[in-house]
C-alpha atoms as a PDB file:
ATOM      1  CA  MET A   1       0.000   0.000   0.000  1.00  0.00           C
ATOM      2  CA  ILE A   2       1.166   3.499  -0.812  1.00  0.00           C
ATOM      3  CA  TYR A   3       0.081   6.542   1.117  1.00  0.00           C
ATOM      4  CA  ASN A   4       0.027   9.753  -0.886  1.00  0.00           C
ATOM      5  CA  PRO A   5       0.154  12.737   1.494  1.00  0.00           C
ATOM      6  CA  TYR A   6      -1.108  15.099  -1.217  1.00  0.00           C
ATOM      7  CA  TYR A   7      -4.341  13.266  -1.843  1.00  0.00           C
ATOM      8  CA  SER A   8      -4.748  11.360   1.422  1.00  0.00           C
ATOM      9  CA  ARG A   9      -5.533   8.143  -0.400  1.00  0.00           C
ATOM     10  CA  VAL A  10      -4.142   4.672  -0.005  1.00  0.00           C
ATOM     11  CA  TYR A  11      -3.175   2.953  -3.244  1.00  0.00           C
ATOM     12  CA  SER A  12      -3.202  -0.806  -3.084  1.00  0.00           C
ATOM     13  CA  GLU A  13      -3.133  -3.649  -5.506  1.00  0.00           C
ATOM     14  CA  ALA A  14      -3.599  -7.380  -5.051  1.00  0.00           C
ATOM     15  CA  GLY A  15      -2.696 -10.571  -6.846  1.00  0.00           C
ATOM     16  CA  PHE A  16       1.079 -10.776  -6.398  1.00  0.00           C
ATOM     17  CA  LYS A  17       2.640 -14.205  -6.076  1.00  0.00           C
ATOM     18  CA  THR A  18       5.553 -13.086  -3.928  1.00  0.00           C
ATOM     19  CA  LYS A  19       6.314 -10.274  -1.539  1.00  0.00           C
ATOM     20  CA  ARG A  20       9.189  -9.231  -3.797  1.00  0.00           C
ATOM     21  CA  GLU A  21       6.759  -8.566  -6.706  1.00  0.00           C
ATOM     22  CA  ALA A  22       4.477  -6.617  -4.377  1.00  0.00           C
ATOM     23  CA  ARG A  23       7.382  -4.453  -3.165  1.00  0.00           C
ATOM     24  CA  ARG A  24       8.492  -3.764  -6.751  1.00  0.00           C
ATOM     25  CA  ALA A  25       4.972  -2.761  -7.758  1.00  0.00           C
ATOM     26  CA  GLU A  26       4.722  -0.575  -4.672  1.00  0.00           C
ATOM     27  CA  ALA A  27       8.034   1.144  -5.458  1.00  0.00           C
ATOM     28  CA  LYS A  28       6.982   1.658  -9.069  1.00  0.00           C
ATOM     29  CA  ARG A  29       3.632   3.128  -8.015  1.00  0.00           C
ATOM     30  CA  ARG A  30       5.327   5.391  -5.456  1.00  0.00           C
ATOM     31  CA  GLU A  31       7.644   6.646  -8.200  1.00  0.00           C
ATOM     32  CA  GLU A  32       4.657   7.367 -10.474  1.00  0.00           C
ATOM     33  CA  ILE A  33       2.957   9.333  -7.724  1.00  0.00           C
ATOM     34  CA  GLU A  34       6.025  11.347  -6.760  1.00  0.00           C
ATOM     35  CA  ASN A  35       6.969  12.077 -10.384  1.00  0.00           C
ATOM     36  CA  PRO A  36       3.756  12.244 -12.401  1.00  0.00           C
ATOM     37  CA  VAL A  37       3.926  12.338 -16.180  1.00  0.00           C
ATOM     38  CA  GLN A  38       3.204  15.887 -17.290  1.00  0.00           C
ATOM     39  CA  ALA A  39       1.600  15.249 -20.657  1.00  0.00           C
ATOM     40  CA  SER A  40       0.241  11.997 -21.917  1.00  0.00           C
ATOM     41  CA  GLU A  41      -0.543  11.103 -25.505  1.00  0.00           C
ATOM     42  CA  ASN A  42      -4.138  10.246 -24.613  1.00  0.00           C
ATOM     43  CA  VAL A  43      -4.849  13.329 -22.517  1.00  0.00           C
ATOM     44  CA  THR A  44      -5.521  16.564 -24.333  1.00  0.00           C
ATOM     45  CA  THR A  45      -6.276  19.750 -22.475  1.00  0.00           C
ATOM     46  CA  LEU A  46      -8.061  22.446 -24.371  1.00  0.00           C
ATOM     47  CA  THR A  47      -7.149  25.991 -23.547  1.00  0.00           C
ATOM     48  CA  ASP A  48      -9.784  27.545 -25.747  1.00  0.00           C
ATOM     49  CA  MET A  49     -12.987  26.550 -27.466  1.00  0.00           C
ATOM     50  CA  SER A  50     -15.743  28.185 -29.441  1.00  0.00           C
ATOM     51  CA  PHE A  51     -18.343  30.034 -27.441  1.00  0.00           C
ATOM     52  CA  LEU A  52     -21.097  28.039 -29.138  1.00  0.00           C
ATOM     53  CA  GLU A  53     -19.538  24.750 -28.008  1.00  0.00           C
ATOM     54  CA  LEU A  54     -19.188  25.984 -24.420  1.00  0.00           C
ATOM     55  CA  VAL A  55     -22.819  27.120 -24.346  1.00  0.00           C
ATOM     56  CA  ASN A  56     -24.021  23.783 -25.729  1.00  0.00           C
ATOM     57  CA  ARG A  57     -22.050  21.821 -23.153  1.00  0.00           C
ATOM     58  CA  ARG A  58     -23.314  24.028 -20.335  1.00  0.00           C
ATOM     59  CA  LEU A  59     -26.919  23.629 -21.510  1.00  0.00           C
ATOM     60  CA  ASP A  60     -26.497  19.849 -21.614  1.00  0.00           C
ATOM     61  CA  TYR A  61     -25.180  19.965 -18.055  1.00  0.00           C
ATOM     62  CA  VAL A  62     -27.992  22.225 -16.837  1.00  0.00           C
ATOM     63  CA  LYS A  63     -30.598  20.003 -18.486  1.00  0.00           C
ATOM     64  CA  ALA A  64     -29.201  16.924 -16.747  1.00  0.00           C
ATOM     65  CA  TYR A  65     -28.642  18.394 -13.285  1.00  0.00           C
ATOM     66  CA  HIS A  66     -31.197  21.186 -12.796  1.00  0.00           C
ATOM     67  CA  SER A  67     -34.911  21.818 -13.089  1.00  0.00           C
ATOM     68  CA  GLU A  68     -36.746  22.393 -16.338  1.00  0.00           C
ATOM     69  CA  ARG A  69     -37.436  26.016 -15.425  1.00  0.00           C
ATOM     70  CA  TYR A  70     -33.746  26.663 -14.746  1.00  0.00           C
ATOM     71  CA  TYR A  71     -32.898  25.094 -18.093  1.00  0.00           C
ATOM     72  CA  THR A  72     -35.410  27.188 -20.054  1.00  0.00           C
ATOM     73  CA  ASP A  73     -34.135  30.385 -18.404  1.00  0.00           C
ATOM     74  CA  HIS A  74     -30.577  29.537 -19.403  1.00  0.00           C
ATOM     75  CA  TYR A  75     -31.662  28.470 -22.878  1.00  0.00           C
ATOM     76  CA  TYR A  76     -33.231  31.853 -23.664  1.00  0.00           C
ATOM     77  CA  MET A  77     -30.298  33.728 -22.172  1.00  0.00           C
ATOM     78  CA  ALA A  78     -27.951  31.603 -24.295  1.00  0.00           C
ATOM     79  CA  LEU A  79     -29.880  32.558 -27.423  1.00  0.00           C
ATOM     80  CA  ARG A  80     -29.235  36.235 -26.630  1.00  0.00           C
ATOM     81  CA  TRP A  81     -25.551  35.564 -25.977  1.00  0.00           C
ATOM     82  CA  LEU A  82     -25.177  33.658 -29.220  1.00  0.00           C
ATOM     83  CA  LYS A  83     -26.593  36.584 -31.198  1.00  0.00           C
ATOM     84  CA  GLN A  84     -23.616  38.568 -29.918  1.00  0.00           C
ATOM     85  CA  TRP A  85     -20.755  36.060 -29.780  1.00  0.00           C
ATOM     86  CA  LYS A  86     -21.717  32.930 -31.764  1.00  0.00           C
ATOM     87  CA  ARG A  87     -18.709  32.933 -34.079  1.00  0.00           C
ATOM     88  CA  LEU A  88     -16.129  33.901 -31.438  1.00  0.00           C
ATOM     89  CA  ASN A  89     -13.843  31.748 -29.351  1.00  0.00           C
ATOM     90  CA  CYS A  90     -14.117  32.115 -25.601  1.00  0.00           C
ATOM     91  CA  SER A  91     -10.716  33.836 -25.463  1.00  0.00           C
ATOM     92  CA  ASP A  92     -11.997  36.490 -27.898  1.00  0.00           C
ATOM     93  CA  ILE A  93     -14.780  37.555 -25.548  1.00  0.00           C
ATOM     94  CA  SER A  94     -13.468  40.331 -23.356  1.00  0.00           C
ATOM     95  CA  ALA A  95     -14.783  41.992 -20.234  1.00  0.00           C
ATOM     96  CA  ASP A  96     -15.553  45.102 -22.317  1.00  0.00           C
ATOM     97  CA  LYS A  97     -17.813  43.137 -24.661  1.00  0.00           C
ATOM     98  CA  ILE A  98     -19.664  41.616 -21.740  1.00  0.00           C
ATOM     99  CA  GLN A  99     -19.948  44.970 -19.985  1.00  0.00           C
ATOM    100  CA  SER A 100     -21.437  46.648 -23.068  1.00  0.00           C
ATOM    101  CA  PHE A 101     -23.885  43.741 -23.495  1.00  0.00           C
ATOM    102  CA  LEU A 102     -24.971  44.087 -19.855  1.00  0.00           C
ATOM    103  CA  LEU A 103     -25.434  47.843 -20.159  1.00  0.00           C
ATOM    104  CA  LYS A 104     -27.644  47.341 -23.233  1.00  0.00           C
ATOM    105  CA  ARG A 105     -29.726  44.786 -21.315  1.00  0.00           C
ATOM    106  CA  ALA A 106     -30.035  47.199 -18.375  1.00  0.00           C
ATOM    107  CA  ARG A 107     -31.262  49.988 -20.653  1.00  0.00           C
ATOM    108  CA  ALA A 108     -33.628  47.714 -22.590  1.00  0.00           C
ATOM    109  CA  VAL A 109     -35.110  45.798 -19.654  1.00  0.00           C
ATOM    110  CA  SER A 110     -33.721  46.484 -16.170  1.00  0.00           C
ATOM    111  CA  ALA A 111     -30.626  46.377 -14.024  1.00  0.00           C
ATOM    112  CA  HIS A 112     -32.063  43.338 -12.244  1.00  0.00           C
ATOM    113  CA  THR A 113     -32.194  41.444 -15.567  1.00  0.00           C
ATOM    114  CA  ALA A 114     -28.653  42.495 -16.457  1.00  0.00           C
ATOM    115  CA  ASN A 115     -27.413  41.220 -13.087  1.00  0.00           C
ATOM    116  CA  LYS A 116     -29.138  37.894 -13.703  1.00  0.00           C
ATOM    117  CA  GLU A 117     -27.390  37.658 -17.078  1.00  0.00           C
ATOM    118  CA  LEU A 118     -24.054  38.429 -15.404  1.00  0.00           C
ATOM    119  CA  ARG A 119     -24.587  35.650 -12.847  1.00  0.00           C
ATOM    120  CA  SER A 120     -25.386  33.194 -15.627  1.00  0.00           C
ATOM    121  CA  LEU A 121     -22.396  34.270 -17.737  1.00  0.00           C
ATOM    122  CA  ARG A 122     -20.134  33.793 -14.712  1.00  0.00           C
ATOM    123  CA  ALA A 123     -21.562  30.311 -14.223  1.00  0.00           C
ATOM    124  CA  LEU A 124     -20.999  29.545 -17.913  1.00  0.00           C
ATOM    125  CA  PHE A 125     -17.346  30.569 -17.923  1.00  0.00           C
ATOM    126  CA  ASN A 126     -16.658  28.979 -14.523  1.00  0.00           C
ATOM    127  CA  PHE A 127     -18.118  25.761 -15.941  1.00  0.00           C
ATOM    128  CA  GLY A 128     -15.493  25.835 -18.698  1.00  0.00           C
ATOM    129  CA  ILE A 129     -12.651  26.741 -16.327  1.00  0.00           C
ATOM    130  CA  HIS A 130     -13.428  23.971 -13.832  1.00  0.00           C
ATOM    131  CA  PRO A 131     -10.267  21.889 -13.246  1.00  0.00           C
ATOM    132  CA  ALA A 132     -11.993  18.647 -14.222  1.00  0.00           C
ATOM    133  CA  ARG A 133     -12.763  20.138 -17.632  1.00  0.00           C
ATOM    134  CA  GLY A 134     -10.080  22.768 -18.293  1.00  0.00           C
ATOM    135  CA  TRP A 135     -11.597  23.804 -21.604  1.00  0.00           C
ATOM    136  CA  ILE A 136     -10.809  27.503 -21.232  1.00  0.00           C
ATOM    137  CA  LYS A 137      -8.233  29.524 -19.321  1.00  0.00           C
ATOM    138  CA  ASN A 138      -9.934  32.653 -18.068  1.00  0.00           C
ATOM    139  CA  ASN A 139     -13.273  34.061 -17.082  1.00  0.00           C
ATOM    140  CA  PRO A 140     -13.871  37.479 -18.657  1.00  0.00           C
ATOM    141  CA  THR A 141     -16.618  38.238 -16.129  1.00  0.00           C
ATOM    142  CA  TYR A 142     -14.129  38.540 -13.250  1.00  0.00           C
ATOM    143  CA  GLY A 143     -14.036  42.086 -12.015  1.00  0.00           C
ATOM    144  CA  ILE A 144     -17.371  43.117 -13.538  1.00  0.00           C
ATOM    145  CA  ALA A 145     -19.494  44.604 -10.794  1.00  0.00           C
ATOM    146  CA  PHE A 146     -23.218  44.145 -10.511  1.00  0.00           C
ATOM    147  CA  LEU A 147     -25.356  47.094 -11.531  1.00  0.00           C
ATOM    148  CA  PRO A 148     -27.071  48.998  -8.727  1.00  0.00           C
ATOM    149  CA  VAL A 149     -30.679  48.010  -8.210  1.00  0.00           C
ATOM    150  CA  GLU A 150     -33.283  50.123  -6.459  1.00  0.00           C
ATOM    151  CA  LYS A 151     -34.953  48.090  -3.779  1.00  0.00           C
ATOM    152  CA  LYS A 152     -38.619  48.862  -3.517  1.00  0.00           C
ATOM    153  CA  LEU A 153     -40.639  48.209  -0.429  1.00  0.00           C
ATOM    154  CA  LYS A 154     -43.716  46.132  -1.062  1.00  0.00           C
ATOM    155  CA  TYR A 155     -47.028  47.843  -0.422  1.00  0.00           C
ATOM    156  CA  VAL A 156     -48.809  46.465   2.604  1.00  0.00           C
ATOM    157  CA  PRO A 157     -52.321  47.862   2.854  1.00  0.00           C
ATOM    158  CA  PRO A 158     -53.421  49.242   6.209  1.00  0.00           C
ATOM    159  CA  LYS A 159     -55.977  47.331   8.245  1.00  0.00           C
ATOM    160  CA  GLU A 160     -58.749  49.816   7.381  1.00  0.00           C
ATOM    161  CA  ASP A 161     -58.307  49.200   3.626  1.00  0.00           C
ATOM    162  CA  VAL A 162     -58.471  45.439   4.131  1.00  0.00           C
ATOM    163  CA  LEU A 163     -61.667  45.781   6.165  1.00  0.00           C
ATOM    164  CA  ARG A 164     -63.242  47.979   3.442  1.00  0.00           C
ATOM    165  CA  VAL A 165     -62.521  45.295   0.823  1.00  0.00           C
ATOM    166  CA  ILE A 166     -64.077  42.617   3.027  1.00  0.00           C
ATOM    167  CA  ILE A 167     -67.189  44.712   3.630  1.00  0.00           C
ATOM    168  CA  ALA A 168     -67.561  45.488  -0.090  1.00  0.00           C
ATOM    169  CA  ALA A 169     -67.386  41.779  -1.045  1.00  0.00           C
ATOM    170  CA  ASP A 170     -70.379  39.447  -1.240  1.00  0.00           C
ATOM    171  CA  ARG A 171     -71.213  37.085   1.635  1.00  0.00           C
ATOM    172  CA  ASP A 172     -69.353  33.976   0.337  1.00  0.00           C
ATOM    173  CA  THR A 173     -66.262  35.957  -0.507  1.00  0.00           C
ATOM    174  CA  GLN A 174     -66.315  37.626   2.909  1.00  0.00           C
ATOM    175  CA  ASP A 175     -66.021  34.205   4.571  1.00  0.00           C
ATOM    176  CA  TYR A 176     -63.137  33.380   2.284  1.00  0.00           C
ATOM    177  CA  LEU A 177     -61.331  36.660   2.938  1.00  0.00           C
END
């Protein structure tokens, strides 16, 4: 058995005929762990990909792991993003392009909507950066601040207004209210 202090795992193997074979295999495995091979022929790490491919992979992931509503929200946001950046690679999308897109969304709809788009774009790029995937190198949304949103207090009617509504309603509705 080999203990790797970096991963806190025990590596073991069975089926050796002699202790000598087991010790050799253990020494070989220890050597592999201490001196890992940097690049293998079978392993390819992408450092960039097309934005369309990243969006498609993220949508597949969202469809598999999240609710239908969450998926449809991301699907329609992705359609808007693809109108802007469909033919670009992820490395070609800069923070300035994202910032101008968000400002257009804030003017057209609201700052709340633009902030939702920013959260989703961050999730998209973080999905591609994730160490298990490593498809892209950087997230252009880092450093982009959320737009200020005016918080409105919800209207709570006074007790007198509620009583007036109850009195104005018919008898069955009064019981319900």
